[in-house]
Each structure stands twice: as structure tokens, then as C-alpha cells.
Amino acid sequence: MFRKFFKVVFKVLGWFIVLSVVFVWVYKWVPVYVTPLMVIRAAEDFKKGEQVAWQHQWVPLQEISTNLQLAVICSEDQNFLTHHGFDLKAIEKAFENNKTGKRLKGGSTISQQTAKNVFLWPNRSWLRKGLETYFTFLIELFWSKERIMEVYLNSIEMGPRVYGAQAASKYWYNKVALKLTMPEAASIAAILPNPIKYKAQPASKYIAGRKQWIVKQMGYFGTLNYKP
């Protein structure tokens, strides 16, 4: 009985590993048009009897302003270009912070957020965190940093039912993502912790403060170079 049980478990696990590797490998080139979060938000709207719709338009990284690329690095993950998916110092800081009951902003790397956005669901649990670690390892193994940034900026929520840089740029500033200025990019990056609650414009006092901090960090960071 136990032998049959473990045989089934190992078989399921084997198929999961094979399929997950295939999906990650395919997404190395194929645009991500739909994410689990988009579907979940749409289901919530349908359940409430509200209109089911979202704004999203995939564009290549070359059509996204380097200002926005730099802004999200400076606000979310300043070691993105050098780590291998996990920022050990940030993890250690988050662990220590959790002991005091405080909340740490930016604990997850851009790679981790990309893995969660594309392959998993938003709710927090040990299972999801474990799978997030697994998929983060895979995308860092198969994708370049440019590809991770491209998928991240095309899939992340940047406003109420607004996903990706192109849709967010049009929603907040009525322009394409390639034309975003440094302050505009910083404003969008500033709302990422809670893009449903916060607005890029008109910005609250809190978001305006975050925007100024991000612009300063962008100045300190220097030239964006994905190559080591």
C-alpha cells in the first residue's frame, strides 16, 4: 500500500518537474499574455457582478523606457543585476524583522516576484513560497536578466486591473512605455507595493516622497548594464 502511494507521489512529482521545466523554457521566448493574478482578479470581478476586464499589452524590453527599468531596480531590488535570484542579505533582514513583528518592504527580488506573477498565485503560504523558490531557481537558470526584466515589466500589476508597463504608461500618463521620463517612471515604481491602493498621479504625500527617493537612487545607481 505504502509502496503504491510513494510510487504515485514520485510519478506526480516527476511529471511536475518535467512540465515546469518545459513551461519555463518555452517562456524564455514566448510572450506571457495572461498570468494567474489576471485570472484571479477577473474571477473576483465576475463574482461581484462587476465588469470583467483588464488592461494589458505585451511589448519587448526595447520598447520600455530604461527609466522604468532602472526605477523598478532601485525601488524593488537594487542587487538584481548581481544576485542569482535571491538576495541573502534581504532575506536575513526580513527574518530578523519578522521577529519584531515589523513588515519589510522589498523583501522579494525581482526574480522572485516574476516567478510568482507568472507561475503562481498571490496568497501567502509555505507551499507557495516553496514553489516560488523553485521557479525562481528555474528562471535564473534558463533566462537572462534582460528576459526576467522583460517578463516582470510586462506582467506586474501597476494599477487597478492594469498589468505591464505599456498599459500602465497609457493609463497613468497617456503615452507609450518607451517615452516615460525619469519622474514618471519613478512614480509608477513607487506604487508597486500596492498598485490598487496607491496612484501614480495625482500622487499622495507618501507616494511623492517615495518618488523623490527613487529618483535619487536612480541618480546614484548610474548606467543600467545587464552584462556582467
C-alpha atoms as a PDB file:
ATOM      1  CA  MET A   1       0.000   0.000   0.000  1.00  0.00           C
ATOM      2  CA  PHE A   2       2.708   2.448   1.022  1.00  0.00           C
ATOM      3  CA  ARG A   3       4.797   1.376  -1.950  1.00  0.00           C
ATOM      4  CA  LYS A   4       1.924   2.237  -4.304  1.00  0.00           C
ATOM      5  CA  PHE A   5       1.393   5.552  -2.568  1.00  0.00           C
ATOM      6  CA  PHE A   6       5.032   6.586  -2.873  1.00  0.00           C
ATOM      7  CA  LYS A   7       5.124   5.373  -6.442  1.00  0.00           C
ATOM      8  CA  VAL A   8       2.217   7.668  -7.306  1.00  0.00           C
ATOM      9  CA  VAL A   9       3.801  10.560  -5.404  1.00  0.00           C
ATOM     10  CA  PHE A  10       7.128  10.198  -7.205  1.00  0.00           C
ATOM     11  CA  LYS A  11       5.361   9.892 -10.536  1.00  0.00           C
ATOM     12  CA  VAL A  12       3.360  13.069  -9.948  1.00  0.00           C
ATOM     13  CA  LEU A  13       6.477  14.862  -8.723  1.00  0.00           C
ATOM     14  CA  GLY A  14       8.411  13.717 -11.781  1.00  0.00           C
ATOM     15  CA  TRP A  15       5.749  14.982 -14.164  1.00  0.00           C
ATOM     16  CA  PHE A  16       5.554  18.284 -12.283  1.00  0.00           C
ATOM     17  CA  ILE A  17       9.306  18.821 -12.653  1.00  0.00           C
ATOM     18  CA  VAL A  18       9.254  17.940 -16.360  1.00  0.00           C
ATOM     19  CA  LEU A  19       6.271  20.171 -17.146  1.00  0.00           C
ATOM     20  CA  SER A  20       7.539  23.090 -15.076  1.00  0.00           C
ATOM     21  CA  VAL A  21      10.915  22.996 -16.818  1.00  0.00           C
ATOM     22  CA  VAL A  22       9.175  22.895 -20.201  1.00  0.00           C
ATOM     23  CA  PHE A  23       6.957  25.872 -19.304  1.00  0.00           C
ATOM     24  CA  VAL A  24       9.905  27.931 -18.067  1.00  0.00           C
ATOM     25  CA  TRP A  25      11.946  27.039 -21.145  1.00  0.00           C
ATOM     26  CA  VAL A  26       9.082  27.980 -23.500  1.00  0.00           C
ATOM     27  CA  TYR A  27       8.543  31.296 -21.715  1.00  0.00           C
ATOM     28  CA  LYS A  28      12.170  32.111 -22.413  1.00  0.00           C
ATOM     29  CA  TRP A  29      10.908  33.241 -25.831  1.00  0.00           C
ATOM     30  CA  VAL A  30       7.094  33.241 -25.800  1.00  0.00           C
ATOM     31  CA  PRO A  31       5.299  36.386 -24.515  1.00  0.00           C
ATOM     32  CA  VAL A  32       3.271  35.977 -21.319  1.00  0.00           C
ATOM     33  CA  TYR A  33      -0.161  37.267 -22.271  1.00  0.00           C
ATOM     34  CA  VAL A  34      -2.060  36.032 -19.194  1.00  0.00           C
ATOM     35  CA  THR A  35      -0.998  35.458 -15.594  1.00  0.00           C
ATOM     36  CA  PRO A  36      -2.774  33.722 -12.693  1.00  0.00           C
ATOM     37  CA  LEU A  37      -3.322  37.093 -10.990  1.00  0.00           C
ATOM     38  CA  MET A  38      -5.161  38.463 -14.017  1.00  0.00           C
ATOM     39  CA  VAL A  39      -7.469  35.452 -13.996  1.00  0.00           C
ATOM     40  CA  ILE A  40      -7.996  35.663 -10.226  1.00  0.00           C
ATOM     41  CA  ARG A  41      -8.854  39.382 -10.377  1.00  0.00           C
ATOM     42  CA  ALA A  42     -11.258  38.718 -13.279  1.00  0.00           C
ATOM     43  CA  ALA A  43     -12.933  35.917 -11.301  1.00  0.00           C
ATOM     44  CA  GLU A  44     -13.333  38.245  -8.317  1.00  0.00           C
ATOM     45  CA  ASP A  45     -14.965  40.869 -10.529  1.00  0.00           C
ATOM     46  CA  PHE A  46     -17.288  38.275 -12.054  1.00  0.00           C
ATOM     47  CA  LYS A  47     -18.276  37.031  -8.604  1.00  0.00           C
ATOM     48  CA  LYS A  48     -19.111  40.597  -7.560  1.00  0.00           C
ATOM     49  CA  GLY A  49     -21.166  41.108 -10.692  1.00  0.00           C
ATOM     50  CA  GLU A  50     -18.745  43.745 -11.979  1.00  0.00           C
ATOM     51  CA  GLN A  51     -17.406  44.113 -15.494  1.00  0.00           C
ATOM     52  CA  VAL A  52     -14.639  41.600 -16.209  1.00  0.00           C
ATOM     53  CA  ALA A  53     -11.802  43.398 -17.942  1.00  0.00           C
ATOM     54  CA  TRP A  54      -8.127  44.128 -17.629  1.00  0.00           C
ATOM     55  CA  GLN A  55      -5.632  46.309 -19.448  1.00  0.00           C
ATOM     56  CA  HIS A  56      -2.522  44.575 -20.725  1.00  0.00           C
ATOM     57  CA  GLN A  57      -0.320  44.825 -23.793  1.00  0.00           C
ATOM     58  CA  TRP A  58       2.896  42.867 -24.202  1.00  0.00           C
ATOM     59  CA  VAL A  59       5.854  44.830 -25.610  1.00  0.00           C
ATOM     60  CA  PRO A  60       9.530  43.838 -25.952  1.00  0.00           C
ATOM     61  CA  LEU A  61      12.026  45.252 -23.474  1.00  0.00           C
ATOM     62  CA  GLN A  62      13.398  47.576 -26.169  1.00  0.00           C
ATOM     63  CA  GLU A  63      10.029  49.364 -26.154  1.00  0.00           C
ATOM     64  CA  ILE A  64      10.104  50.003 -22.409  1.00  0.00           C
ATOM     65  CA  SER A  65      11.960  53.084 -21.203  1.00  0.00           C
ATOM     66  CA  THR A  66      15.243  52.382 -19.462  1.00  0.00           C
ATOM     67  CA  ASN A  67      13.985  54.899 -16.910  1.00  0.00           C
ATOM     68  CA  LEU A  68      11.302  52.437 -15.817  1.00  0.00           C
ATOM     69  CA  GLN A  69      13.711  49.509 -15.845  1.00  0.00           C
ATOM     70  CA  LEU A  70      16.090  51.429 -13.606  1.00  0.00           C
ATOM     71  CA  ALA A  71      13.279  52.743 -11.407  1.00  0.00           C
ATOM     72  CA  VAL A  72      11.987  49.276 -10.510  1.00  0.00           C
ATOM     73  CA  ILE A  73      15.512  48.053  -9.822  1.00  0.00           C
ATOM     74  CA  CYS A  74      16.171  50.978  -7.492  1.00  0.00           C
ATOM     75  CA  SER A  75      12.819  50.634  -5.714  1.00  0.00           C
ATOM     76  CA  GLU A  76      12.395  46.858  -5.605  1.00  0.00           C
ATOM     77  CA  ASP A  77      15.750  45.091  -5.946  1.00  0.00           C
ATOM     78  CA  GLN A  78      18.999  47.047  -6.177  1.00  0.00           C
ATOM     79  CA  ASN A  79      21.092  43.870  -6.374  1.00  0.00           C
ATOM     80  CA  PHE A  80      19.071  42.457  -9.279  1.00  0.00           C
ATOM     81  CA  LEU A  81      21.955  42.563 -11.756  1.00  0.00           C
ATOM     82  CA  THR A  82      24.381  40.706  -9.480  1.00  0.00           C
ATOM     83  CA  HIS A  83      22.408  38.153  -7.462  1.00  0.00           C
ATOM     84  CA  HIS A  84      21.227  34.763  -8.732  1.00  0.00           C
ATOM     85  CA  GLY A  85      17.580  35.150  -7.836  1.00  0.00           C
ATOM     86  CA  PHE A  86      17.856  35.580  -4.082  1.00  0.00           C
ATOM     87  CA  ASP A  87      19.206  38.480  -2.049  1.00  0.00           C
ATOM     88  CA  LEU A  88      20.574  36.722   1.018  1.00  0.00           C
ATOM     89  CA  LYS A  89      21.081  39.955   2.939  1.00  0.00           C
ATOM     90  CA  ALA A  90      17.461  40.965   2.320  1.00  0.00           C
ATOM     91  CA  ILE A  91      16.258  37.515   3.393  1.00  0.00           C
ATOM     92  CA  GLU A  92      18.295  37.732   6.600  1.00  0.00           C
ATOM     93  CA  LYS A  93      16.946  41.227   7.253  1.00  0.00           C
ATOM     94  CA  ALA A  94      13.393  40.052   6.613  1.00  0.00           C
ATOM     95  CA  PHE A  95      13.859  37.151   9.031  1.00  0.00           C
ATOM     96  CA  GLU A  96      15.125  39.444  11.769  1.00  0.00           C
ATOM     97  CA  ASN A  97      12.362  41.933  11.033  1.00  0.00           C
ATOM     98  CA  ASN A  98       9.671  39.265  11.314  1.00  0.00           C
ATOM     99  CA  LYS A  99      10.811  38.545  14.859  1.00  0.00           C
ATOM    100  CA  THR A 100       9.787  42.048  15.881  1.00  0.00           C
ATOM    101  CA  GLY A 101       6.505  41.870  14.005  1.00  0.00           C
ATOM    102  CA  LYS A 102       7.536  44.638  11.635  1.00  0.00           C
ATOM    103  CA  ARG A 103       6.958  44.499   7.909  1.00  0.00           C
ATOM    104  CA  LEU A 104       9.844  44.625   5.461  1.00  0.00           C
ATOM    105  CA  LYS A 105       9.341  46.321   2.115  1.00  0.00           C
ATOM    106  CA  GLY A 106      11.076  44.875  -0.905  1.00  0.00           C
ATOM    107  CA  GLY A 107      11.963  41.540   0.713  1.00  0.00           C
ATOM    108  CA  SER A 108      11.468  39.612  -2.521  1.00  0.00           C
ATOM    109  CA  THR A 109      13.739  40.078  -5.507  1.00  0.00           C
ATOM    110  CA  ILE A 110      12.507  40.949  -8.992  1.00  0.00           C
ATOM    111  CA  SER A 111      13.247  37.353  -9.978  1.00  0.00           C
ATOM    112  CA  GLN A 112      11.079  36.020  -7.140  1.00  0.00           C
ATOM    113  CA  GLN A 113       8.260  38.414  -7.996  1.00  0.00           C
ATOM    114  CA  THR A 114       8.446  37.350 -11.638  1.00  0.00           C
ATOM    115  CA  ALA A 115       8.244  33.674 -10.685  1.00  0.00           C
ATOM    116  CA  LYS A 116       5.217  34.378  -8.509  1.00  0.00           C
ATOM    117  CA  ASN A 117       3.461  36.568 -11.080  1.00  0.00           C
ATOM    118  CA  VAL A 118       3.864  34.182 -14.000  1.00  0.00           C
ATOM    119  CA  PHE A 119       3.548  30.735 -12.445  1.00  0.00           C
ATOM    120  CA  LEU A 120       1.827  31.042  -9.067  1.00  0.00           C
ATOM    121  CA  TRP A 121      -0.985  32.641  -7.082  1.00  0.00           C
ATOM    122  CA  PRO A 122      -0.736  35.777  -4.865  1.00  0.00           C
ATOM    123  CA  ASN A 123      -1.826  34.348  -1.486  1.00  0.00           C
ATOM    124  CA  ARG A 124       0.914  33.740   1.042  1.00  0.00           C
ATOM    125  CA  SER A 125       1.647  30.234   2.260  1.00  0.00           C
ATOM    126  CA  TRP A 126       4.638  27.981   2.842  1.00  0.00           C
ATOM    127  CA  LEU A 127       3.659  25.931  -0.201  1.00  0.00           C
ATOM    128  CA  ARG A 128       3.575  28.963  -2.479  1.00  0.00           C
ATOM    129  CA  LYS A 129       6.847  30.261  -1.044  1.00  0.00           C
ATOM    130  CA  GLY A 130       8.476  26.909  -1.678  1.00  0.00           C
ATOM    131  CA  LEU A 131       7.232  26.822  -5.266  1.00  0.00           C
ATOM    132  CA  GLU A 132       8.312  30.430  -5.705  1.00  0.00           C
ATOM    133  CA  THR A 133      11.838  29.442  -4.685  1.00  0.00           C
ATOM    134  CA  TYR A 134      11.774  26.545  -7.148  1.00  0.00           C
ATOM    135  CA  PHE A 135      10.533  28.639 -10.096  1.00  0.00           C
ATOM    136  CA  THR A 136      12.947  31.454  -9.236  1.00  0.00           C
ATOM    137  CA  PHE A 137      15.810  28.960  -9.496  1.00  0.00           C
ATOM    138  CA  LEU A 138      14.498  27.793 -12.887  1.00  0.00           C
ATOM    139  CA  ILE A 139      14.090  31.229 -14.455  1.00  0.00           C
ATOM    140  CA  GLU A 140      17.522  32.302 -13.242  1.00  0.00           C
ATOM    141  CA  LEU A 141      18.894  29.100 -14.767  1.00  0.00           C
ATOM    142  CA  PHE A 142      17.205  29.381 -18.168  1.00  0.00           C
ATOM    143  CA  TRP A 143      16.516  33.106 -18.656  1.00  0.00           C
ATOM    144  CA  SER A 144      18.830  36.085 -18.974  1.00  0.00           C
ATOM    145  CA  LYS A 145      18.464  39.095 -16.691  1.00  0.00           C
ATOM    146  CA  GLU A 146      17.046  41.003 -19.658  1.00  0.00           C
ATOM    147  CA  ARG A 147      14.365  38.360 -20.140  1.00  0.00           C
ATOM    148  CA  ILE A 148      13.470  38.353 -16.444  1.00  0.00           C
ATOM    149  CA  MET A 149      13.103  42.140 -16.538  1.00  0.00           C
ATOM    150  CA  GLU A 150      11.074  41.951 -19.755  1.00  0.00           C
ATOM    151  CA  VAL A 151       8.620  39.438 -18.309  1.00  0.00           C
ATOM    152  CA  TYR A 152       8.482  41.266 -14.978  1.00  0.00           C
ATOM    153  CA  LEU A 153       7.646  44.622 -16.550  1.00  0.00           C
ATOM    154  CA  ASN A 154       5.040  43.029 -18.795  1.00  0.00           C
ATOM    155  CA  SER A 155       3.239  41.050 -16.104  1.00  0.00           C
ATOM    156  CA  ILE A 156       3.335  43.021 -12.855  1.00  0.00           C
ATOM    157  CA  GLU A 157       0.219  44.846 -11.661  1.00  0.00           C
ATOM    158  CA  MET A 158       0.725  48.614 -11.980  1.00  0.00           C
ATOM    159  CA  GLY A 159      -2.768  49.924 -11.334  1.00  0.00           C
ATOM    160  CA  PRO A 160      -6.350  48.719 -10.800  1.00  0.00           C
ATOM    161  CA  ARG A 161      -6.656  45.864 -13.320  1.00  0.00           C
ATOM    162  CA  VAL A 162      -3.697  47.380 -15.185  1.00  0.00           C
ATOM    163  CA  TYR A 163      -0.837  44.989 -15.956  1.00  0.00           C
ATOM    164  CA  GLY A 164       2.511  45.686 -17.530  1.00  0.00           C
ATOM    165  CA  ALA A 165       4.497  48.768 -18.463  1.00  0.00           C
ATOM    166  CA  GLN A 166       2.688  49.610 -21.694  1.00  0.00           C
ATOM    167  CA  ALA A 167      -0.801  49.529 -20.208  1.00  0.00           C
ATOM    168  CA  ALA A 168       0.380  51.400 -17.093  1.00  0.00           C
ATOM    169  CA  SER A 169       2.078  54.125 -19.125  1.00  0.00           C
ATOM    170  CA  LYS A 170      -1.093  54.688 -21.131  1.00  0.00           C
ATOM    171  CA  TYR A 171      -3.290  54.508 -18.035  1.00  0.00           C
ATOM    172  CA  TRP A 172      -1.298  56.926 -15.882  1.00  0.00           C
ATOM    173  CA  TYR A 173       0.356  59.226 -18.449  1.00  0.00           C
ATOM    174  CA  ASN A 174      -1.387  58.592 -21.787  1.00  0.00           C
ATOM    175  CA  LYS A 175       1.867  57.669 -23.530  1.00  0.00           C
ATOM    176  CA  VAL A 176       3.762  54.546 -24.550  1.00  0.00           C
ATOM    177  CA  ALA A 177       6.216  52.947 -22.138  1.00  0.00           C
ATOM    178  CA  LEU A 178       9.218  53.943 -24.253  1.00  0.00           C
ATOM    179  CA  LYS A 179       8.503  57.642 -23.654  1.00  0.00           C
ATOM    180  CA  LEU A 180       8.362  57.581 -19.843  1.00  0.00           C
ATOM    181  CA  THR A 181      10.524  60.229 -18.197  1.00  0.00           C
ATOM    182  CA  MET A 182      12.532  59.590 -15.049  1.00  0.00           C
ATOM    183  CA  PRO A 183       9.951  61.208 -12.682  1.00  0.00           C
ATOM    184  CA  GLU A 184       7.082  59.364 -14.401  1.00  0.00           C
ATOM    185  CA  ALA A 185       8.907  56.041 -14.182  1.00  0.00           C
ATOM    186  CA  ALA A 186       9.695  56.678 -10.518  1.00  0.00           C
ATOM    187  CA  SER A 187       6.017  57.428  -9.834  1.00  0.00           C
ATOM    188  CA  ILE A 188       4.923  54.104 -11.311  1.00  0.00           C
ATOM    189  CA  ALA A 189       7.656  52.247  -9.422  1.00  0.00           C
ATOM    190  CA  ALA A 190       6.586  53.978  -6.210  1.00  0.00           C
ATOM    191  CA  ILE A 191       3.089  52.418  -6.261  1.00  0.00           C
ATOM    192  CA  LEU A 192       4.221  48.812  -6.848  1.00  0.00           C
ATOM    193  CA  PRO A 193       3.895  47.742  -3.202  1.00  0.00           C
ATOM    194  CA  ASN A 194       0.125  48.277  -3.554  1.00  0.00           C
ATOM    195  CA  PRO A 195      -0.920  49.403  -7.059  1.00  0.00           C
ATOM    196  CA  ILE A 196      -4.625  49.153  -6.236  1.00  0.00           C
ATOM    197  CA  LYS A 197      -4.425  51.421  -3.201  1.00  0.00           C
ATOM    198  CA  TYR A 198      -1.862  53.950  -4.481  1.00  0.00           C
ATOM    199  CA  LYS A 199      -1.934  56.245  -7.509  1.00  0.00           C
ATOM    200  CA  ALA A 200       0.992  57.332  -9.660  1.00  0.00           C
ATOM    201  CA  GLN A 201      -0.889  60.558 -10.245  1.00  0.00           C
ATOM    202  CA  PRO A 202      -2.171  62.522  -8.547  1.00  0.00           C
ATOM    203  CA  ALA A 203       0.341  61.234  -6.034  1.00  0.00           C
ATOM    204  CA  SER A 204      -0.307  61.242  -2.303  1.00  0.00           C
ATOM    205  CA  LYS A 205       2.276  62.724   0.047  1.00  0.00           C
ATOM    206  CA  TYR A 206       3.589  59.229   0.761  1.00  0.00           C
ATOM    207  CA  ILE A 207       3.966  58.316  -2.933  1.00  0.00           C
ATOM    208  CA  ALA A 208       5.525  61.701  -3.714  1.00  0.00           C
ATOM    209  CA  GLY A 209       8.120  61.012  -1.022  1.00  0.00           C
ATOM    210  CA  ARG A 210       8.837  57.542  -2.396  1.00  0.00           C
ATOM    211  CA  LYS A 211       9.107  59.005  -5.885  1.00  0.00           C
ATOM    212  CA  GLN A 212      11.745  61.506  -4.779  1.00  0.00           C
ATOM    213  CA  TRP A 213      13.705  58.766  -3.031  1.00  0.00           C
ATOM    214  CA  ILE A 214      13.606  56.534  -6.133  1.00  0.00           C
ATOM    215  CA  VAL A 215      14.769  59.365  -8.407  1.00  0.00           C
ATOM    216  CA  LYS A 216      17.737  59.949  -6.077  1.00  0.00           C
ATOM    217  CA  GLN A 217      18.573  56.243  -6.089  1.00  0.00           C
ATOM    218  CA  MET A 218      18.426  56.223  -9.889  1.00  0.00           C
ATOM    219  CA  GLY A 219      20.987  59.016  -9.928  1.00  0.00           C
ATOM    220  CA  TYR A 220      23.272  57.089  -7.579  1.00  0.00           C
ATOM    221  CA  PHE A 221      22.879  53.803  -9.478  1.00  0.00           C
ATOM    222  CA  GLY A 222      24.433  55.012 -12.706  1.00  0.00           C
ATOM    223  CA  THR A 223      24.186  53.316 -16.115  1.00  0.00           C
ATOM    224  CA  LEU A 224      21.930  50.302 -16.498  1.00  0.00           C
ATOM    225  CA  ASN A 225      24.041  47.423 -17.797  1.00  0.00           C
ATOM    226  CA  TYR A 226      22.705  43.872 -17.799  1.00  0.00           C
ATOM    227  CA  LYS A 227      26.014  42.362 -18.837  1.00  0.00           C
ATOM    228  CA  PRO A 228      28.442  41.460 -16.002  1.00  0.00           C
END
